[in-house]
Amino acid sequence: EEDSVKVEAFLKDSLRDKYSQGYITARVESNSISQIYNFIIINKGRNNGVESDMGVISPQGIVGVVRDITDNYAVVQPVLNPNSRFSCKILGSTTAGTLIWEAGDPRYVNLTEYPKYEKVVKGDTIVTSGFSDIFPEGVLVGIVEDFKSETNDNFYTIKVKLSTDFGALKNVQLISIKDEERKELEEKIKNAQK
């Protein structure tokens, strides 16, 4: 129960009134970490207010995003799925890269397309950037383990050790930070580009 208290404290501190529509606590019913396309099933669904594209976190940090829902259950696509893409950054930076898992070790992911003009140091903390409507800014992702130049030499690929232990995942929180005003603007921009 100490874990859920930590998560609640984090949510109260970090979710601004404008974005937060509250959160839902759920239990992990099944969880794969050894597949290429991993999924998690949780014990809350439509009847509990769960919606598609809700962000999912654990007391340790980022978990994934809700992809499918029934009345009483939901499927979460975790970070440990090559189809997952999350905007993340180094704590204290304003520049974001894209978090991707390329299968393999469930303890590590890569932060790609991170500009070389930004300072990167082993041990830096990686958090969500807030540049999406899935996660607020500042959800813990992990720690910089290593980094290398990408082939075009303007970007780093950063190896990140995940803060969430996916093998021991028990309880998660679903958060909704939908900002209708921002969504409306993004739709206008998309339509203008067609």
N, C-alpha and C. Protein backbone atom coordinates (compact mmCIF):
# COMPACT_ATOMS: atom_id res chain seq x y z
N GLU A 1 0.83 -1.21 0.00
CA GLU A 1 0.00 0.00 0.00
C GLU A 1 0.85 1.25 0.00
N GLU A 2 2.09 1.14 0.49
CA GLU A 2 2.98 2.29 0.52
C GLU A 2 3.20 2.82 -0.91
N ASP A 3 3.25 1.87 -1.88
CA ASP A 3 3.43 2.23 -3.28
C ASP A 3 2.32 3.15 -3.77
N SER A 4 1.06 2.80 -3.45
CA SER A 4 -0.04 3.61 -3.97
C SER A 4 -0.06 4.99 -3.31
N VAL A 5 0.43 5.09 -2.07
CA VAL A 5 0.52 6.40 -1.40
C VAL A 5 1.54 7.27 -2.14
N LYS A 6 2.68 6.66 -2.54
CA LYS A 6 3.71 7.39 -3.29
C LYS A 6 3.15 7.92 -4.60
N VAL A 7 2.40 7.07 -5.30
CA VAL A 7 1.84 7.48 -6.59
C VAL A 7 0.84 8.61 -6.39
N GLU A 8 0.00 8.49 -5.37
CA GLU A 8 -0.98 9.54 -5.13
C GLU A 8 -0.30 10.86 -4.79
N ALA A 9 0.78 10.81 -4.01
CA ALA A 9 1.51 12.03 -3.68
C ALA A 9 2.11 12.63 -4.95
N PHE A 10 2.66 11.78 -5.81
CA PHE A 10 3.24 12.26 -7.08
C PHE A 10 2.16 12.93 -7.93
N LEU A 11 1.00 12.28 -8.02
CA LEU A 11 -0.08 12.81 -8.86
C LEU A 11 -0.58 14.15 -8.33
N LYS A 12 -0.71 14.25 -7.02
CA LYS A 12 -1.18 15.52 -6.44
C LYS A 12 -0.16 16.63 -6.71
N ASP A 13 1.12 16.29 -6.62
CA ASP A 13 2.17 17.29 -6.83
C ASP A 13 2.30 17.70 -8.28
N SER A 14 2.15 16.75 -9.19
CA SER A 14 2.57 17.04 -10.55
C SER A 14 1.45 17.29 -11.55
N LEU A 15 0.23 16.88 -11.24
CA LEU A 15 -0.83 17.10 -12.22
C LEU A 15 -1.54 18.40 -11.94
N ARG A 16 -1.46 19.31 -12.88
CA ARG A 16 -2.12 20.60 -12.73
C ARG A 16 -3.64 20.44 -12.92
N ASP A 17 -4.40 21.28 -12.25
CA ASP A 17 -5.87 21.21 -12.32
C ASP A 17 -6.38 21.22 -13.76
N LYS A 18 -5.73 22.02 -14.62
CA LYS A 18 -6.21 22.15 -15.99
C LYS A 18 -6.19 20.82 -16.72
N TYR A 19 -5.18 19.99 -16.43
CA TYR A 19 -5.03 18.74 -17.17
C TYR A 19 -5.65 17.55 -16.46
N SER A 20 -5.64 17.55 -15.14
CA SER A 20 -5.98 16.30 -14.46
C SER A 20 -7.48 16.10 -14.39
N GLN A 21 -7.92 14.98 -14.89
CA GLN A 21 -9.32 14.58 -14.76
C GLN A 21 -9.37 13.45 -13.74
N GLY A 22 -8.38 13.38 -12.88
CA GLY A 22 -8.34 12.34 -11.87
C GLY A 22 -7.56 11.13 -12.34
N TYR A 23 -7.57 10.10 -11.53
CA TYR A 23 -6.82 8.89 -11.86
C TYR A 23 -7.53 7.68 -11.28
N ILE A 24 -7.18 6.52 -11.80
CA ILE A 24 -7.83 5.26 -11.42
C ILE A 24 -6.74 4.27 -11.03
N THR A 25 -6.89 3.62 -9.90
CA THR A 25 -5.93 2.59 -9.48
C THR A 25 -6.40 1.24 -9.99
N ALA A 26 -5.48 0.44 -10.51
CA ALA A 26 -5.83 -0.88 -11.04
C ALA A 26 -4.77 -1.91 -10.66
N ARG A 27 -5.18 -3.18 -10.68
CA ARG A 27 -4.26 -4.29 -10.40
C ARG A 27 -3.88 -4.96 -11.71
N VAL A 28 -2.63 -5.35 -11.83
CA VAL A 28 -2.16 -6.06 -13.01
C VAL A 28 -2.62 -7.52 -12.92
N GLU A 29 -3.38 -7.96 -13.93
CA GLU A 29 -3.89 -9.33 -13.98
C GLU A 29 -2.94 -10.25 -14.75
N SER A 30 -2.39 -9.75 -15.84
CA SER A 30 -1.37 -10.52 -16.56
C SER A 30 -0.44 -9.55 -17.26
N ASN A 31 0.78 -10.02 -17.48
CA ASN A 31 1.83 -9.11 -17.93
C ASN A 31 2.91 -9.93 -18.63
N SER A 32 3.23 -9.56 -19.87
CA SER A 32 4.34 -10.25 -20.55
C SER A 32 5.53 -9.30 -20.68
N ILE A 33 6.73 -9.85 -20.49
CA ILE A 33 7.94 -9.04 -20.70
C ILE A 33 8.92 -9.75 -21.64
N SER A 34 8.60 -11.01 -22.01
CA SER A 34 9.55 -11.79 -22.81
C SER A 34 9.18 -11.85 -24.29
N GLN A 35 8.05 -11.25 -24.66
CA GLN A 35 7.64 -11.24 -26.08
C GLN A 35 8.28 -10.03 -26.77
N ILE A 36 8.05 -9.94 -28.07
CA ILE A 36 8.46 -8.71 -28.75
C ILE A 36 7.38 -7.66 -28.53
N TYR A 37 6.12 -8.04 -28.79
CA TYR A 37 5.01 -7.11 -28.58
C TYR A 37 4.32 -7.46 -27.26
N ASN A 38 4.81 -6.88 -26.19
CA ASN A 38 4.29 -7.18 -24.85
C ASN A 38 3.01 -6.40 -24.58
N PHE A 39 2.14 -7.00 -23.75
CA PHE A 39 0.92 -6.33 -23.31
C PHE A 39 0.67 -6.64 -21.85
N ILE A 40 -0.11 -5.76 -21.20
CA ILE A 40 -0.49 -5.93 -19.80
C ILE A 40 -2.02 -5.88 -19.74
N ILE A 41 -2.62 -6.77 -18.95
CA ILE A 41 -4.08 -6.71 -18.74
C ILE A 41 -4.31 -6.27 -17.30
N ILE A 42 -5.18 -5.26 -17.13
CA ILE A 42 -5.50 -4.74 -15.79
C ILE A 42 -6.98 -4.97 -15.47
N ASN A 43 -7.31 -4.92 -14.18
CA ASN A 43 -8.66 -5.29 -13.72
C ASN A 43 -9.65 -4.13 -13.66
N LYS A 44 -9.45 -3.11 -14.46
CA LYS A 44 -10.41 -2.00 -14.53
C LYS A 44 -10.71 -1.74 -16.00
N GLY A 45 -11.97 -1.37 -16.26
CA GLY A 45 -12.38 -1.13 -17.64
C GLY A 45 -13.37 0.01 -17.78
N ARG A 46 -14.18 -0.08 -18.81
CA ARG A 46 -15.16 0.97 -19.13
C ARG A 46 -16.05 1.31 -17.93
N ASN A 47 -16.46 0.28 -17.18
CA ASN A 47 -17.33 0.51 -16.01
C ASN A 47 -16.66 1.34 -14.91
N ASN A 48 -15.32 1.41 -14.96
CA ASN A 48 -14.57 2.17 -13.96
C ASN A 48 -14.09 3.52 -14.49
N GLY A 49 -14.51 3.86 -15.70
CA GLY A 49 -14.11 5.15 -16.27
C GLY A 49 -12.83 5.09 -17.10
N VAL A 50 -12.33 3.89 -17.38
CA VAL A 50 -11.11 3.76 -18.18
C VAL A 50 -11.42 4.10 -19.65
N GLU A 51 -10.52 4.87 -20.27
CA GLU A 51 -10.68 5.25 -21.67
C GLU A 51 -9.41 4.93 -22.43
N SER A 52 -9.53 4.79 -23.75
CA SER A 52 -8.35 4.60 -24.60
C SER A 52 -7.41 5.79 -24.46
N ASP A 53 -6.13 5.51 -24.63
CA ASP A 53 -5.06 6.52 -24.60
C ASP A 53 -4.80 7.14 -23.24
N MET A 54 -5.33 6.53 -22.17
CA MET A 54 -4.96 7.00 -20.83
C MET A 54 -3.52 6.57 -20.56
N GLY A 55 -2.76 7.42 -19.93
CA GLY A 55 -1.40 7.07 -19.52
C GLY A 55 -1.44 6.16 -18.31
N VAL A 56 -0.48 5.23 -18.24
CA VAL A 56 -0.42 4.28 -17.12
C VAL A 56 0.96 4.40 -16.47
N ILE A 57 0.96 4.58 -15.14
CA ILE A 57 2.22 4.68 -14.41
C ILE A 57 2.20 3.71 -13.22
N SER A 58 3.39 3.45 -12.68
CA SER A 58 3.50 2.65 -11.46
C SER A 58 4.15 3.56 -10.42
N PRO A 59 4.27 3.09 -9.18
CA PRO A 59 4.97 3.90 -8.17
C PRO A 59 6.42 4.18 -8.57
N GLN A 60 6.97 3.36 -9.47
CA GLN A 60 8.37 3.52 -9.89
C GLN A 60 8.51 4.42 -11.13
N GLY A 61 7.41 4.62 -11.85
CA GLY A 61 7.52 5.47 -13.04
C GLY A 61 6.62 5.02 -14.17
N ILE A 62 7.02 5.34 -15.39
CA ILE A 62 6.22 5.12 -16.59
C ILE A 62 5.94 3.63 -16.83
N VAL A 63 4.72 3.32 -17.30
CA VAL A 63 4.36 1.95 -17.67
C VAL A 63 3.95 1.88 -19.14
N GLY A 64 2.92 2.65 -19.54
CA GLY A 64 2.48 2.58 -20.93
C GLY A 64 1.19 3.33 -21.16
N VAL A 65 0.39 2.84 -22.11
CA VAL A 65 -0.83 3.54 -22.51
C VAL A 65 -1.96 2.53 -22.76
N VAL A 66 -3.18 2.89 -22.36
CA VAL A 66 -4.35 2.01 -22.57
C VAL A 66 -4.66 1.94 -24.06
N ARG A 67 -4.78 0.71 -24.58
CA ARG A 67 -5.06 0.52 -26.01
C ARG A 67 -6.44 -0.07 -26.28
N ASP A 68 -6.95 -0.92 -25.38
CA ASP A 68 -8.22 -1.59 -25.63
C ASP A 68 -8.96 -1.75 -24.31
N ILE A 69 -10.30 -1.72 -24.36
CA ILE A 69 -11.09 -1.75 -23.13
C ILE A 69 -12.30 -2.65 -23.29
N THR A 70 -12.62 -3.41 -22.24
CA THR A 70 -13.93 -4.07 -22.14
C THR A 70 -14.60 -3.43 -20.92
N ASP A 71 -15.75 -3.96 -20.52
CA ASP A 71 -16.45 -3.37 -19.38
C ASP A 71 -15.62 -3.39 -18.11
N ASN A 72 -14.88 -4.50 -17.90
CA ASN A 72 -14.19 -4.67 -16.61
C ASN A 72 -12.68 -4.82 -16.70
N TYR A 73 -12.13 -4.80 -17.90
CA TYR A 73 -10.69 -4.96 -18.07
C TYR A 73 -10.17 -3.99 -19.13
N ALA A 74 -8.84 -3.80 -19.13
CA ALA A 74 -8.22 -2.99 -20.17
C ALA A 74 -6.88 -3.60 -20.53
N VAL A 75 -6.49 -3.38 -21.79
CA VAL A 75 -5.18 -3.81 -22.28
C VAL A 75 -4.28 -2.58 -22.33
N VAL A 76 -3.11 -2.72 -21.72
CA VAL A 76 -2.13 -1.64 -21.70
C VAL A 76 -0.97 -2.03 -22.62
N GLN A 77 -0.62 -1.13 -23.53
CA GLN A 77 0.58 -1.33 -24.35
C GLN A 77 1.72 -0.67 -23.59
N PRO A 78 2.65 -1.49 -23.05
CA PRO A 78 3.71 -0.93 -22.21
C PRO A 78 4.83 -0.30 -23.04
N VAL A 79 5.73 0.36 -22.33
CA VAL A 79 6.97 0.85 -22.94
C VAL A 79 7.67 -0.30 -23.65
N LEU A 80 7.57 -1.53 -23.09
CA LEU A 80 8.24 -2.71 -23.66
C LEU A 80 7.44 -3.28 -24.84
N ASN A 81 7.24 -2.45 -25.84
CA ASN A 81 6.55 -2.83 -27.06
C ASN A 81 7.08 -1.90 -28.16
N PRO A 82 7.63 -2.46 -29.25
CA PRO A 82 8.24 -1.59 -30.27
C PRO A 82 7.27 -0.58 -30.89
N ASN A 83 5.96 -0.79 -30.73
CA ASN A 83 4.99 0.18 -31.25
C ASN A 83 4.80 1.38 -30.33
N SER A 84 5.34 1.30 -29.11
CA SER A 84 5.21 2.42 -28.17
C SER A 84 6.23 3.49 -28.49
N ARG A 85 5.77 4.73 -28.48
CA ARG A 85 6.63 5.90 -28.70
C ARG A 85 6.21 6.96 -27.71
N PHE A 86 7.14 7.39 -26.85
CA PHE A 86 6.81 8.41 -25.88
C PHE A 86 7.84 9.53 -25.93
N SER A 87 7.36 10.75 -25.82
CA SER A 87 8.22 11.93 -25.82
C SER A 87 8.81 12.11 -24.43
N CYS A 88 10.16 12.05 -24.35
CA CYS A 88 10.85 12.13 -23.05
C CYS A 88 12.05 13.05 -23.16
N LYS A 89 12.57 13.44 -22.01
CA LYS A 89 13.70 14.38 -22.00
C LYS A 89 14.56 14.13 -20.76
N ILE A 90 15.71 14.79 -20.74
CA ILE A 90 16.55 14.78 -19.55
C ILE A 90 15.95 15.78 -18.57
N LEU A 91 15.84 15.40 -17.31
CA LEU A 91 15.29 16.28 -16.28
C LEU A 91 16.00 17.63 -16.31
N GLY A 92 15.24 18.71 -16.37
CA GLY A 92 15.84 20.04 -16.39
C GLY A 92 16.04 20.59 -17.80
N SER A 93 15.92 19.73 -18.82
CA SER A 93 16.08 20.15 -20.21
C SER A 93 14.72 20.51 -20.79
N THR A 94 14.73 21.26 -21.89
CA THR A 94 13.46 21.55 -22.58
C THR A 94 13.40 20.82 -23.91
N THR A 95 14.43 20.03 -24.21
CA THR A 95 14.51 19.32 -25.49
C THR A 95 14.11 17.86 -25.33
N ALA A 96 13.22 17.39 -26.21
CA ALA A 96 12.72 16.02 -26.09
C ALA A 96 13.27 15.12 -27.18
N GLY A 97 13.32 13.83 -26.86
CA GLY A 97 13.62 12.80 -27.84
C GLY A 97 12.48 11.79 -27.80
N THR A 98 12.63 10.69 -28.57
CA THR A 98 11.58 9.68 -28.63
C THR A 98 12.05 8.41 -27.94
N LEU A 99 11.25 7.95 -26.97
CA LEU A 99 11.57 6.74 -26.22
C LEU A 99 11.06 5.52 -26.96
N ILE A 100 11.97 4.57 -27.26
CA ILE A 100 11.60 3.38 -28.03
C ILE A 100 12.27 2.15 -27.41
N TRP A 101 11.51 1.04 -27.36
CA TRP A 101 12.09 -0.25 -26.95
C TRP A 101 12.28 -1.07 -28.20
N GLU A 102 13.49 -1.56 -28.39
CA GLU A 102 13.79 -2.31 -29.61
C GLU A 102 13.87 -3.80 -29.34
N ALA A 103 12.99 -4.29 -28.46
CA ALA A 103 12.95 -5.70 -28.05
C ALA A 103 14.26 -6.06 -27.33
N GLY A 104 14.32 -7.27 -26.80
CA GLY A 104 15.52 -7.65 -26.06
C GLY A 104 15.33 -7.47 -24.56
N ASP A 105 16.29 -6.83 -23.92
CA ASP A 105 16.34 -6.71 -22.46
C ASP A 105 15.20 -5.81 -21.94
N PRO A 106 14.33 -6.34 -21.06
CA PRO A 106 13.21 -5.54 -20.55
C PRO A 106 13.61 -4.47 -19.53
N ARG A 107 14.90 -4.37 -19.23
CA ARG A 107 15.35 -3.33 -18.28
C ARG A 107 15.76 -2.04 -18.97
N TYR A 108 15.92 -2.10 -20.32
CA TYR A 108 16.47 -0.94 -21.03
C TYR A 108 15.64 -0.51 -22.23
N VAL A 109 15.61 0.80 -22.45
CA VAL A 109 14.99 1.38 -23.65
C VAL A 109 15.97 2.41 -24.21
N ASN A 110 15.66 2.91 -25.41
CA ASN A 110 16.49 3.96 -26.00
C ASN A 110 15.72 5.26 -26.12
N LEU A 111 16.40 6.36 -25.83
CA LEU A 111 15.87 7.68 -26.13
C LEU A 111 16.58 8.11 -27.40
N THR A 112 15.83 8.16 -28.51
CA THR A 112 16.44 8.43 -29.81
C THR A 112 16.21 9.88 -30.21
N GLU A 113 16.93 10.31 -31.26
CA GLU A 113 16.78 11.65 -31.84
C GLU A 113 17.00 12.74 -30.79
N TYR A 114 17.97 12.51 -29.88
CA TYR A 114 18.26 13.53 -28.87
C TYR A 114 19.41 14.40 -29.37
N PRO A 115 19.17 15.70 -29.56
CA PRO A 115 20.17 16.57 -30.20
C PRO A 115 21.50 16.61 -29.46
N LYS A 116 22.57 16.62 -30.26
CA LYS A 116 23.92 16.62 -29.69
C LYS A 116 24.28 17.91 -28.96
N TYR A 117 23.58 19.00 -29.32
CA TYR A 117 23.91 20.26 -28.63
C TYR A 117 23.46 20.25 -27.17
N GLU A 118 22.64 19.27 -26.80
CA GLU A 118 22.22 19.13 -25.40
C GLU A 118 23.26 18.32 -24.63
N LYS A 119 23.48 18.71 -23.38
CA LYS A 119 24.45 18.00 -22.54
C LYS A 119 23.83 16.70 -22.03
N VAL A 120 24.55 15.60 -22.16
CA VAL A 120 24.10 14.30 -21.65
C VAL A 120 25.22 13.74 -20.77
N VAL A 121 24.85 13.26 -19.58
CA VAL A 121 25.83 12.67 -18.67
C VAL A 121 25.27 11.35 -18.16
N LYS A 122 26.12 10.32 -18.08
CA LYS A 122 25.67 9.05 -17.49
C LYS A 122 25.13 9.33 -16.09
N GLY A 123 23.99 8.73 -15.78
CA GLY A 123 23.37 8.96 -14.48
C GLY A 123 22.29 10.04 -14.50
N ASP A 124 22.17 10.79 -15.62
CA ASP A 124 21.09 11.78 -15.76
C ASP A 124 19.74 11.09 -15.63
N THR A 125 18.76 11.82 -15.11
CA THR A 125 17.40 11.30 -14.97
C THR A 125 16.58 11.62 -16.21
N ILE A 126 15.87 10.60 -16.73
CA ILE A 126 14.99 10.79 -17.89
C ILE A 126 13.55 10.80 -17.39
N VAL A 127 12.78 11.80 -17.86
CA VAL A 127 11.37 11.94 -17.48
C VAL A 127 10.53 12.19 -18.73
N THR A 128 9.20 12.08 -18.60
CA THR A 128 8.33 12.43 -19.73
C THR A 128 8.41 13.93 -19.96
N SER A 129 8.23 14.33 -21.24
CA SER A 129 8.41 15.74 -21.60
C SER A 129 7.17 16.60 -21.37
N GLY A 130 6.00 15.96 -21.36
CA GLY A 130 4.77 16.74 -21.28
C GLY A 130 4.30 17.21 -22.65
N PHE A 131 5.03 16.83 -23.73
CA PHE A 131 4.66 17.25 -25.08
C PHE A 131 3.65 16.30 -25.73
N SER A 132 2.79 15.68 -24.93
CA SER A 132 1.76 14.81 -25.49
C SER A 132 0.57 14.86 -24.56
N ASP A 133 -0.55 14.30 -24.98
CA ASP A 133 -1.69 14.31 -24.05
C ASP A 133 -1.87 12.94 -23.38
N ILE A 134 -0.77 12.19 -23.28
CA ILE A 134 -0.82 10.91 -22.55
C ILE A 134 -0.26 11.08 -21.14
N PHE A 135 0.93 11.69 -21.02
CA PHE A 135 1.56 11.86 -19.73
C PHE A 135 1.81 13.34 -19.43
N PRO A 136 1.69 13.71 -18.16
CA PRO A 136 2.12 15.06 -17.78
C PRO A 136 3.65 15.11 -17.83
N GLU A 137 4.21 16.27 -17.72
CA GLU A 137 5.66 16.42 -17.68
C GLU A 137 6.18 15.87 -16.35
N GLY A 138 7.33 15.19 -16.41
CA GLY A 138 8.02 14.83 -15.17
C GLY A 138 7.77 13.45 -14.60
N VAL A 139 7.05 12.57 -15.34
CA VAL A 139 6.91 11.19 -14.86
C VAL A 139 8.26 10.51 -15.04
N LEU A 140 8.74 9.86 -13.99
CA LEU A 140 10.06 9.21 -14.04
C LEU A 140 10.07 8.08 -15.07
N VAL A 141 11.13 8.05 -15.89
CA VAL A 141 11.31 7.00 -16.89
C VAL A 141 12.51 6.12 -16.51
N GLY A 142 13.63 6.75 -16.18
CA GLY A 142 14.82 5.98 -15.82
C GLY A 142 16.06 6.84 -15.78
N ILE A 143 17.21 6.17 -15.88
CA ILE A 143 18.52 6.81 -15.73
C ILE A 143 19.36 6.54 -16.97
N VAL A 144 20.14 7.56 -17.41
CA VAL A 144 21.03 7.38 -18.56
C VAL A 144 22.14 6.39 -18.19
N GLU A 145 22.19 5.30 -18.98
CA GLU A 145 23.20 4.27 -18.77
C GLU A 145 24.40 4.52 -19.69
N ASP A 146 24.11 4.99 -20.91
CA ASP A 146 25.16 5.19 -21.92
C ASP A 146 24.55 6.01 -23.06
N PHE A 147 25.39 6.55 -23.94
CA PHE A 147 24.86 7.25 -25.12
C PHE A 147 25.89 7.19 -26.24
N LYS A 148 25.39 7.23 -27.50
CA LYS A 148 26.28 7.18 -28.65
C LYS A 148 25.71 8.03 -29.77
N SER A 149 26.57 8.39 -30.72
CA SER A 149 26.13 9.19 -31.86
C SER A 149 25.32 8.34 -32.81
N GLU A 150 24.27 8.94 -33.37
CA GLU A 150 23.57 8.28 -34.46
C GLU A 150 24.36 8.55 -35.73
N THR A 151 24.04 7.82 -36.79
CA THR A 151 24.86 7.89 -38.00
C THR A 151 24.96 9.28 -38.61
N ASN A 152 23.89 10.08 -38.54
CA ASN A 152 23.96 11.39 -39.17
C ASN A 152 24.71 12.42 -38.30
N ASP A 153 25.14 11.98 -37.11
CA ASP A 153 26.02 12.79 -36.25
C ASP A 153 25.42 14.03 -35.61
N ASN A 154 24.15 14.33 -35.82
CA ASN A 154 23.56 15.48 -35.13
C ASN A 154 22.79 15.06 -33.88
N PHE A 155 22.62 13.73 -33.71
CA PHE A 155 21.80 13.23 -32.62
C PHE A 155 22.47 12.11 -31.85
N TYR A 156 22.08 11.98 -30.60
CA TYR A 156 22.49 10.86 -29.78
C TYR A 156 21.37 9.83 -29.71
N THR A 157 21.75 8.57 -29.51
CA THR A 157 20.83 7.55 -29.02
C THR A 157 21.28 7.28 -27.59
N ILE A 158 20.35 7.45 -26.65
CA ILE A 158 20.69 7.32 -25.23
C ILE A 158 20.10 6.02 -24.69
N LYS A 159 20.95 5.19 -24.10
CA LYS A 159 20.47 3.95 -23.47
C LYS A 159 19.99 4.30 -22.06
N VAL A 160 18.72 3.95 -21.77
CA VAL A 160 18.09 4.31 -20.51
C VAL A 160 17.74 3.06 -19.71
N LYS A 161 18.20 3.01 -18.46
CA LYS A 161 17.79 1.92 -17.56
C LYS A 161 16.46 2.33 -16.95
N LEU A 162 15.42 1.53 -17.22
CA LEU A 162 14.07 1.86 -16.76
C LEU A 162 13.95 1.85 -15.24
N SER A 163 13.20 2.79 -14.71
CA SER A 163 12.96 2.82 -13.26
C SER A 163 11.88 1.81 -12.87
N THR A 164 10.96 1.50 -13.79
CA THR A 164 9.90 0.53 -13.52
C THR A 164 10.43 -0.89 -13.74
N ASP A 165 10.23 -1.74 -12.73
CA ASP A 165 10.59 -3.15 -12.86
C ASP A 165 9.35 -3.87 -13.41
N PHE A 166 9.32 -4.07 -14.74
CA PHE A 166 8.14 -4.65 -15.38
C PHE A 166 7.87 -6.09 -14.94
N GLY A 167 8.89 -6.79 -14.50
CA GLY A 167 8.73 -8.16 -14.05
C GLY A 167 8.01 -8.27 -12.71
N ALA A 168 7.95 -7.17 -11.96
CA ALA A 168 7.34 -7.20 -10.62
C ALA A 168 6.15 -6.25 -10.52
N LEU A 169 5.55 -5.92 -11.65
CA LEU A 169 4.46 -4.94 -11.68
C LEU A 169 3.19 -5.50 -11.05
N LYS A 170 2.65 -4.80 -10.04
CA LYS A 170 1.43 -5.27 -9.37
C LYS A 170 0.29 -4.26 -9.47
N ASN A 171 0.55 -3.03 -9.04
CA ASN A 171 -0.48 -1.99 -9.07
C ASN A 171 -0.06 -0.84 -9.98
N VAL A 172 -1.03 -0.30 -10.70
CA VAL A 172 -0.75 0.81 -11.59
C VAL A 172 -1.81 1.89 -11.40
N GLN A 173 -1.51 3.08 -11.89
CA GLN A 173 -2.48 4.19 -11.89
C GLN A 173 -2.70 4.60 -13.33
N LEU A 174 -3.95 4.86 -13.67
CA LEU A 174 -4.29 5.39 -14.99
C LEU A 174 -4.59 6.86 -14.82
N ILE A 175 -4.00 7.67 -15.68
CA ILE A 175 -4.20 9.11 -15.56
C ILE A 175 -4.74 9.68 -16.85
N SER A 176 -5.57 10.70 -16.70
CA SER A 176 -6.13 11.37 -17.86
C SER A 176 -5.75 12.83 -17.78
N ILE A 177 -5.04 13.32 -18.78
CA ILE A 177 -4.66 14.74 -18.78
C ILE A 177 -5.19 15.42 -20.03
N LYS A 178 -6.34 14.97 -20.49
CA LYS A 178 -6.88 15.51 -21.73
C LYS A 178 -7.08 17.02 -21.61
N ASP A 179 -6.57 17.72 -22.57
CA ASP A 179 -6.74 19.17 -22.65
C ASP A 179 -7.49 19.43 -23.96
N GLU A 180 -8.80 19.60 -23.86
CA GLU A 180 -9.65 19.71 -25.06
C GLU A 180 -9.25 20.91 -25.93
N GLU A 181 -8.88 22.01 -25.28
CA GLU A 181 -8.51 23.22 -26.02
C GLU A 181 -7.28 22.97 -26.90
N ARG A 182 -6.29 22.29 -26.30
CA ARG A 182 -5.06 21.98 -27.03
C ARG A 182 -5.35 21.01 -28.17
N LYS A 183 -6.20 20.01 -27.90
CA LYS A 183 -6.56 19.01 -28.90
C LYS A 183 -7.21 19.68 -30.12
N GLU A 184 -8.09 20.63 -29.84
CA GLU A 184 -8.80 21.37 -30.89
C GLU A 184 -7.79 22.11 -31.79
N LEU A 185 -6.82 22.75 -31.16
CA LEU A 185 -5.78 23.46 -31.92
C LEU A 185 -4.96 22.51 -32.78
N GLU A 186 -4.57 21.34 -32.19
CA GLU A 186 -3.79 20.36 -32.95
C GLU A 186 -4.56 19.85 -34.15
N GLU A 187 -5.87 19.64 -33.99
CA GLU A 187 -6.72 19.20 -35.11
C GLU A 187 -6.75 20.26 -36.21
N LYS A 188 -6.86 21.54 -35.82
CA LYS A 188 -6.89 22.63 -36.80
C LYS A 188 -5.59 22.66 -37.61
N ILE A 189 -4.46 22.44 -36.92
CA ILE A 189 -3.16 22.45 -37.60
C ILE A 189 -3.09 21.28 -38.59
N LYS A 190 -3.49 20.07 -38.13
CA LYS A 190 -3.48 18.90 -39.01
C LYS A 190 -4.33 19.13 -40.26
N ASN A 191 -5.53 19.69 -40.06
CA ASN A 191 -6.44 19.91 -41.20
C ASN A 191 -5.90 20.97 -42.15
N ALA A 192 -5.20 21.95 -41.61
CA ALA A 192 -4.63 23.02 -42.45
C ALA A 192 -3.50 22.48 -43.33
N GLN A 193 -2.86 21.41 -42.90
CA GLN A 193 -1.73 20.86 -43.66
C GLN A 193 -2.17 19.91 -44.76
N LYS A 194 -3.45 19.56 -44.81
CA LYS A 194 -3.92 18.59 -45.81
C LYS A 194 -4.01 19.23 -47.18
